[in-house]
PDB file of N, CA and C in Angstrom:
ATOM      1  N   UNK A   1      71.091  93.780 148.537  1.00  0.00           N
ATOM      2  CA  UNK A   1      70.578  92.072 148.312  1.00  0.00           C
ATOM      3  C   UNK A   1      71.844  91.300 147.487  1.00  0.00           C
ATOM      4  N   UNK A   2      72.376  90.518 147.663  1.00  0.00           N
ATOM      5  CA  UNK A   2      72.849  89.802 146.187  1.00  0.00           C
ATOM      6  C   UNK A   2      72.489  89.500 145.103  1.00  0.00           C
ATOM      7  N   UNK A   3      72.991  89.889 144.287  1.00  0.00           N
ATOM      8  CA  UNK A   3      71.673  89.146 142.542  1.00  0.00           C
ATOM      9  C   UNK A   3      71.710  87.727 142.939  1.00  0.00           C
ATOM     10  N   UNK A   4      72.579  86.560 143.423  1.00  0.00           N
ATOM     11  CA  UNK A   4      72.448  85.439 144.557  1.00  0.00           C
ATOM     12  C   UNK A   4      70.228  85.767 144.671  1.00  0.00           C
ATOM     13  N   UNK A   5      70.129  85.925 145.724  1.00  0.00           N
ATOM     14  CA  UNK A   5      69.149  86.461 146.504  1.00  0.00           C
ATOM     15  C   UNK A   5      68.149  86.779 145.565  1.00  0.00           C
ATOM     16  N   UNK A   6      68.510  87.945 144.579  1.00  0.00           N
ATOM     17  CA  UNK A   6      67.109  88.489 143.832  1.00  0.00           C
ATOM     18  C   UNK A   6      66.563  87.080 143.410  1.00  0.00           C
ATOM     19  N   UNK A   7      67.818  86.733 142.305  1.00  0.00           N
ATOM     20  CA  UNK A   7      67.098  84.957 141.656  1.00  0.00           C
ATOM     21  C   UNK A   7      66.336  84.485 142.007  1.00  0.00           C
ATOM     22  N   UNK A   8      66.402  84.592 143.458  1.00  0.00           N
ATOM     23  CA  UNK A   8      65.390  83.200 144.000  1.00  0.00           C
ATOM     24  C   UNK A   8      63.730  83.988 144.040  1.00  0.00           C
ATOM     25  N   UNK A   9      63.347  85.569 143.885  1.00  0.00           N
ATOM     26  CA  UNK A   9      62.323  86.256 143.709  1.00  0.00           C
ATOM     27  C   UNK A   9      61.335  86.139 142.811  1.00  0.00           C
ATOM     28  N   UNK A  10      60.565  85.654 142.644  1.00  0.00           N
ATOM     29  CA  UNK A  10      59.257  85.856 141.805  1.00  0.00           C
ATOM     30  C   UNK A  10      59.133  86.897 140.486  1.00  0.00           C
ATOM     31  N   UNK A  11      58.596  87.202 139.801  1.00  0.00           N
ATOM     32  CA  UNK A  11      58.984  87.979 139.014  1.00  0.00           C
ATOM     33  C   UNK A  11      57.977  89.819 139.648  1.00  0.00           C
ATOM     34  N   UNK A  12      56.842  89.226 140.136  1.00  0.00           N
ATOM     35  CA  UNK A  12      56.101  89.765 140.834  1.00  0.00           C
ATOM     36  C   UNK A  12      56.928  90.382 142.196  1.00  0.00           C
ATOM     37  N   UNK A  13      58.099  89.713 142.904  1.00  0.00           N
ATOM     38  CA  UNK A  13      57.997  90.422 143.524  1.00  0.00           C
ATOM     39  C   UNK A  13      59.529  91.387 143.508  1.00  0.00           C
ATOM     40  N   UNK A  14      59.856  90.247 142.495  1.00  0.00           N
ATOM     41  CA  UNK A  14      61.322  91.645 141.641  1.00  0.00           C
ATOM     42  C   UNK A  14      61.102  93.349 141.437  1.00  0.00           C
ATOM     43  N   UNK A  15      59.816  93.411 140.684  1.00  0.00           N
ATOM     44  CA  UNK A  15      58.873  94.463 140.679  1.00  0.00           C
ATOM     45  C   UNK A  15      58.214  95.029 141.643  1.00  0.00           C
ATOM     46  N   UNK A  16      57.850  94.994 143.228  1.00  0.00           N
ATOM     47  CA  UNK A  16      57.838  95.248 144.051  1.00  0.00           C
ATOM     48  C   UNK A  16      59.338  96.117 144.925  1.00  0.00           C
ATOM     49  N   UNK A  17      59.573  94.898 144.854  1.00  0.00           N
ATOM     50  CA  UNK A  17      61.426  95.622 145.293  1.00  0.00           C
ATOM     51  C   UNK A  17      61.719  96.544 144.438  1.00  0.00           C
ATOM     52  N   UNK A  18      61.428  96.821 143.047  1.00  0.00           N
ATOM     53  CA  UNK A  18      61.874  97.323 141.707  1.00  0.00           C
ATOM     54  C   UNK A  18      61.376  98.933 142.409  1.00  0.00           C
ATOM     55  N   UNK A  19      60.125  99.188 142.503  1.00  0.00           N
ATOM     56  CA  UNK A  19      59.248 100.147 143.024  1.00  0.00           C
ATOM     57  C   UNK A  19      60.048 100.481 144.536  1.00  0.00           C
ATOM     58  N   UNK A  20      60.494  99.341 145.513  1.00  0.00           N
ATOM     59  CA  UNK A  20      59.815 100.201 147.111  1.00  0.00           C
ATOM     60  C   UNK A  20      61.819 100.633 147.106  1.00  0.00           C
ATOM     61  N   UNK A  21      63.098 100.371 145.483  1.00  0.00           N
ATOM     62  CA  UNK A  21      64.276 100.600 145.170  1.00  0.00           C
ATOM     63  C   UNK A  21      63.859 102.466 144.911  1.00  0.00           C
ATOM     64  N   UNK A  22      62.830 102.919 143.896  1.00  0.00           N
ATOM     65  CA  UNK A  22      62.550 103.457 142.989  1.00  0.00           C
ATOM     66  C   UNK A  22      62.924 105.735 144.139  1.00  0.00           C
ATOM     67  N   UNK A  23      61.212 104.388 145.097  1.00  0.00           N
ATOM     68  CA  UNK A  23      60.802 105.585 145.680  1.00  0.00           C
ATOM     69  C   UNK A  23      61.619 105.682 146.883  1.00  0.00           C
ATOM     70  N   UNK A  24      62.657 104.629 146.931  1.00  0.00           N
ATOM     71  CA  UNK A  24      63.995 104.660 147.913  1.00  0.00           C
ATOM     72  C   UNK A  24      64.950 106.447 147.239  1.00  0.00           C
ATOM     73  N   UNK A  25      64.880 106.035 146.393  1.00  0.00           N
ATOM     74  CA  UNK A  25      66.074 106.803 145.438  1.00  0.00           C
ATOM     75  C   UNK A  25      66.007 108.220 145.486  1.00  0.00           C
ATOM     76  N   UNK A  26      64.620 108.469 145.347  1.00  0.00           N
ATOM     77  CA  UNK A  26      63.512 109.668 144.687  1.00  0.00           C
ATOM     78  C   UNK A  26      63.653 110.184 146.193  1.00  0.00           C
ATOM     79  N   UNK A  27      63.377 109.216 147.623  1.00  0.00           N
ATOM     80  CA  UNK A  27      63.510 110.116 148.813  1.00  0.00           C
ATOM     81  C   UNK A  27      65.033 110.396 148.916  1.00  0.00           C
ATOM     82  N   UNK A  28      66.181 109.923 148.501  1.00  0.00           N
ATOM     83  CA  UNK A  28      66.960 110.500 148.758  1.00  0.00           C
ATOM     84  C   UNK A  28      67.520 111.485 148.003  1.00  0.00           C
ATOM     85  N   UNK A  29      67.124 111.708 146.915  1.00  0.00           N
ATOM     86  CA  UNK A  29      68.312 112.150 146.772  1.00  0.00           C
ATOM     87  C   UNK A  29      66.829 113.554 146.825  1.00  0.00           C
ATOM     88  N   UNK A  30      65.658 114.313 147.291  1.00  0.00           N
ATOM     89  CA  UNK A  30      65.630 115.354 148.120  1.00  0.00           C
ATOM     90  C   UNK A  30      66.256 115.491 149.305  1.00  0.00           C
ATOM     91  N   UNK A  31      66.728 113.729 150.013  1.00  0.00           N
ATOM     92  CA  UNK A  31      67.219 114.571 151.248  1.00  0.00           C
ATOM     93  C   UNK A  31      68.524 115.288 150.389  1.00  0.00           C
ATOM     94  N   UNK A  32      69.539 114.710 149.624  1.00  0.00           N
ATOM     95  CA  UNK A  32      70.643 115.191 149.143  1.00  0.00           C
ATOM     96  C   UNK A  32      70.303 116.426 148.676  1.00  0.00           C
ATOM     97  N   UNK A  33      69.477 116.935 148.009  1.00  0.00           N
ATOM     98  CA  UNK A  33      69.099 118.799 148.166  1.00  0.00           C
ATOM     99  C   UNK A  33      68.495 119.371 148.682  1.00  0.00           C
ATOM    100  N   UNK A  34      67.972 118.738 149.708  1.00  0.00           N
ATOM    101  CA  UNK A  34      68.310 119.845 151.290  1.00  0.00           C
ATOM    102  C   UNK A  34      69.064 119.746 152.533  1.00  0.00           C
ATOM    103  N   UNK A  35      69.472 119.021 151.616  1.00  0.00           N
ATOM    104  CA  UNK A  35      71.283 118.641 153.003  1.00  0.00           C
ATOM    105  C   UNK A  35      71.460 118.292 154.090  1.00  0.00           C
ATOM    106  N   UNK A  36      69.890 117.232 154.052  1.00  0.00           N
ATOM    107  CA  UNK A  36      69.694 116.272 154.996  1.00  0.00           C
ATOM    108  C   UNK A  36      70.325 114.548 155.021  1.00  0.00           C
ATOM    109  N   UNK A  37      70.412 115.149 153.801  1.00  0.00           N
ATOM    110  CA  UNK A  37      71.406 113.784 153.473  1.00  0.00           C
ATOM    111  C   UNK A  37      72.757 112.690 154.609  1.00  0.00           C
ATOM    112  N   UNK A  38      73.178 112.572 155.488  1.00  0.00           N
ATOM    113  CA  UNK A  38      73.794 112.169 156.188  1.00  0.00           C
ATOM    114  C   UNK A  38      75.171 110.722 155.536  1.00  0.00           C
ATOM    115  N   UNK A  39      74.434 109.663 154.701  1.00  0.00           N
ATOM    116  CA  UNK A  39      75.071 108.715 154.428  1.00  0.00           C
ATOM    117  C   UNK A  39      75.060 108.291 152.801  1.00  0.00           C
ATOM    118  N   UNK A  40      76.010 109.057 152.085  1.00  0.00           N
ATOM    119  CA  UNK A  40      76.278 109.458 150.714  1.00  0.00           C
ATOM    120  C   UNK A  40      75.859 108.423 149.881  1.00  0.00           C
ATOM    121  N   UNK A  41      76.563 107.228 150.964  1.00  0.00           N
ATOM    122  CA  UNK A  41      76.917 105.593 149.872  1.00  0.00           C
ATOM    123  C   UNK A  41      75.298 105.458 150.012  1.00  0.00           C
ATOM    124  N   UNK A  42      74.423 105.382 150.807  1.00  0.00           N
ATOM    125  CA  UNK A  42      72.792 105.237 150.308  1.00  0.00           C
ATOM    126  C   UNK A  42      72.841 105.424 148.722  1.00  0.00           C
ATOM    127  N   UNK A  43      72.761 106.462 148.334  1.00  0.00           N
ATOM    128  CA  UNK A  43      72.695 106.294 146.388  1.00  0.00           C
ATOM    129  C   UNK A  43      73.395 106.008 145.800  1.00  0.00           C
ATOM    130  N   UNK A  44      74.519 105.959 145.962  1.00  0.00           N
ATOM    131  CA  UNK A  44      74.846 104.523 145.341  1.00  0.00           C
ATOM    132  C   UNK A  44      74.573 102.667 145.151  1.00  0.00           C
ATOM    133  N   UNK A  45      74.931 102.895 146.300  1.00  0.00           N
ATOM    134  CA  UNK A  45      74.158 101.459 146.548  1.00  0.00           C
ATOM    135  C   UNK A  45      72.364 100.936 145.677  1.00  0.00           C
ATOM    136  N   UNK A  46      71.278 101.929 146.477  1.00  0.00           N
ATOM    137  CA  UNK A  46      70.275 102.004 145.966  1.00  0.00           C
ATOM    138  C   UNK A  46      69.853 101.884 144.294  1.00  0.00           C
ATOM    139  N   UNK A  47      70.873 102.873 143.881  1.00  0.00           N
ATOM    140  CA  UNK A  47      71.177 102.653 142.754  1.00  0.00           C
ATOM    141  C   UNK A  47      71.342 101.306 141.753  1.00  0.00           C
ATOM    142  N   UNK A  48      72.538 100.580 142.021  1.00  0.00           N
ATOM    143  CA  UNK A  48      73.184  98.971 141.680  1.00  0.00           C
ATOM    144  C   UNK A  48      72.067  98.322 142.051  1.00  0.00           C
ATOM    145  N   UNK A  49      71.594  98.297 143.338  1.00  0.00           N
ATOM    146  CA  UNK A  49      70.309  97.798 143.640  1.00  0.00           C
ATOM    147  C   UNK A  49      68.996  97.323 142.138  1.00  0.00           C
ATOM    148  N   UNK A  50      68.572  98.595 141.956  1.00  0.00           N
ATOM    149  CA  UNK A  50      67.536  98.911 140.782  1.00  0.00           C
ATOM    150  C   UNK A  50      68.850  98.642 139.751  1.00  0.00           C
ATOM    151  N   UNK A  51      69.925  98.594 139.678  1.00  0.00           N
ATOM    152  CA  UNK A  51      70.594  98.284 138.567  1.00  0.00           C
ATOM    153  C   UNK A  51      69.800  96.170 138.122  1.00  0.00           C
ATOM    154  N   UNK A  52      70.469  95.870 139.417  1.00  0.00           N
ATOM    155  CA  UNK A  52      70.962  94.640 139.410  1.00  0.00           C
ATOM    156  C   UNK A  52      69.212  93.992 139.171  1.00  0.00           C
ATOM    157  N   UNK A  53      68.438  95.383 139.693  1.00  0.00           N
ATOM    158  CA  UNK A  53      66.658  94.457 140.008  1.00  0.00           C
ATOM    159  C   UNK A  53      66.251  94.417 138.445  1.00  0.00           C
ATOM    160  N   UNK A  54      66.241  95.080 138.143  1.00  0.00           N
ATOM    161  CA  UNK A  54      66.545  95.501 136.621  1.00  0.00           C
ATOM    162  C   UNK A  54      67.014  94.676 135.255  1.00  0.00           C
ATOM    163  N   UNK A  55      68.154  94.196 135.830  1.00  0.00           N
ATOM    164  CA  UNK A  55      68.939  93.219 134.830  1.00  0.00           C
ATOM    165  C   UNK A  55      67.820  91.808 134.695  1.00  0.00           C
ATOM    166  N   UNK A  56      68.023  91.445 136.501  1.00  0.00           N
ATOM    167  CA  UNK A  56      67.877  90.207 136.368  1.00  0.00           C
ATOM    168  C   UNK A  56      65.896  90.406 136.140  1.00  0.00           C
ATOM    169  N   UNK A  57      65.255  90.976 136.120  1.00  0.00           N
ATOM    170  CA  UNK A  57      64.075  91.622 135.815  1.00  0.00           C
ATOM    171  C   UNK A  57      63.840  91.321 133.946  1.00  0.00           C
ATOM    172  N   UNK A  58      65.031  91.782 133.515  1.00  0.00           N
ATOM    173  CA  UNK A  58      65.319  91.800 131.594  1.00  0.00           C
ATOM    174  C   UNK A  58      65.662  90.160 131.534  1.00  0.00           C
ATOM    175  N   UNK A  59      66.908  89.645 131.983  1.00  0.00           N
ATOM    176  CA  UNK A  59      67.229  88.884 131.262  1.00  0.00           C
ATOM    177  C   UNK A  59      65.735  87.457 132.208  1.00  0.00           C
ATOM    178  N   UNK A  60      65.115  87.535 132.659  1.00  0.00           N
ATOM    179  CA  UNK A  60      64.079  86.246 132.840  1.00  0.00           C
ATOM    180  C   UNK A  60      62.920  87.465 131.861  1.00  0.00           C
ATOM    181  N   UNK A  61      63.150  88.075 130.770  1.00  0.00           N
ATOM    182  CA  UNK A  61      61.889  88.237 130.127  1.00  0.00           C
ATOM    183  C   UNK A  61      62.531  87.893 129.166  1.00  0.00           C
ATOM    184  N   UNK A  62      64.067  87.757 129.006  1.00  0.00           N
ATOM    185  CA  UNK A  62      64.174  87.012 127.297  1.00  0.00           C
ATOM    186  C   UNK A  62      64.863  85.876 127.359  1.00  0.00           C
ATOM    187  N   UNK A  63      64.301  85.097 128.630  1.00  0.00           N
ATOM    188  CA  UNK A  63      64.486  83.793 129.301  1.00  0.00           C
ATOM    189  C   UNK A  63      63.079  83.504 128.372  1.00  0.00           C
ATOM    190  N   UNK A  64      61.780  83.620 129.344  1.00  0.00           N
ATOM    191  CA  UNK A  64      60.537  83.887 128.743  1.00  0.00           C
ATOM    192  C   UNK A  64      59.891  83.482 127.097  1.00  0.00           C
ATOM    193  N   UNK A  65      61.165  84.775 126.337  1.00  0.00           N
ATOM    194  CA  UNK A  65      60.814  85.087 124.974  1.00  0.00           C
ATOM    195  C   UNK A  65      61.316  84.539 124.299  1.00  0.00           C
ATOM    196  N   UNK A  66      62.506  83.700 124.787  1.00  0.00           N
ATOM    197  CA  UNK A  66      62.895  81.924 123.698  1.00  0.00           C
ATOM    198  C   UNK A  66      62.238  80.739 124.227  1.00  0.00           C
ATOM    199  N   UNK A  67      61.686  80.468 124.949  1.00  0.00           N
ATOM    200  CA  UNK A  67      60.682  79.745 125.397  1.00  0.00           C
ATOM    201  C   UNK A  67      59.927  79.448 124.458  1.00  0.00           C
ATOM    202  N   UNK A  68      59.003  80.296 124.450  1.00  0.00           N
ATOM    203  CA  UNK A  68      57.561  81.054 124.114  1.00  0.00           C
ATOM    204  C   UNK A  68      58.454  80.366 122.208  1.00  0.00           C
ATOM    205  N   UNK A  69      59.757  80.872 121.167  1.00  0.00           N
ATOM    206  CA  UNK A  69      59.652  80.260 120.308  1.00  0.00           C
ATOM    207  C   UNK A  69      60.265  79.231 120.325  1.00  0.00           C
ATOM    208  N   UNK A  70      60.464  78.717 120.490  1.00  0.00           N
ATOM    209  CA  UNK A  70      60.804  77.022 120.934  1.00  0.00           C
ATOM    210  C   UNK A  70      60.460  76.501 120.902  1.00  0.00           C
TER     211      UNK A  70
END
């Protein structure tokens, strides 16, 4: 999911996607620990997705705080 696709989502939708991504990362880590993980690039992709979601969520929160101050 690209940043431009994430920016279209609402804060609630971003939060839901973030929870899903965190659960997926946890499952991937368990698979890696047990030796079941075949596609290790999914770990990297999922971590980056979480970072993108958090970054855009933080940008929105800062924008709301700036609007509240003005």
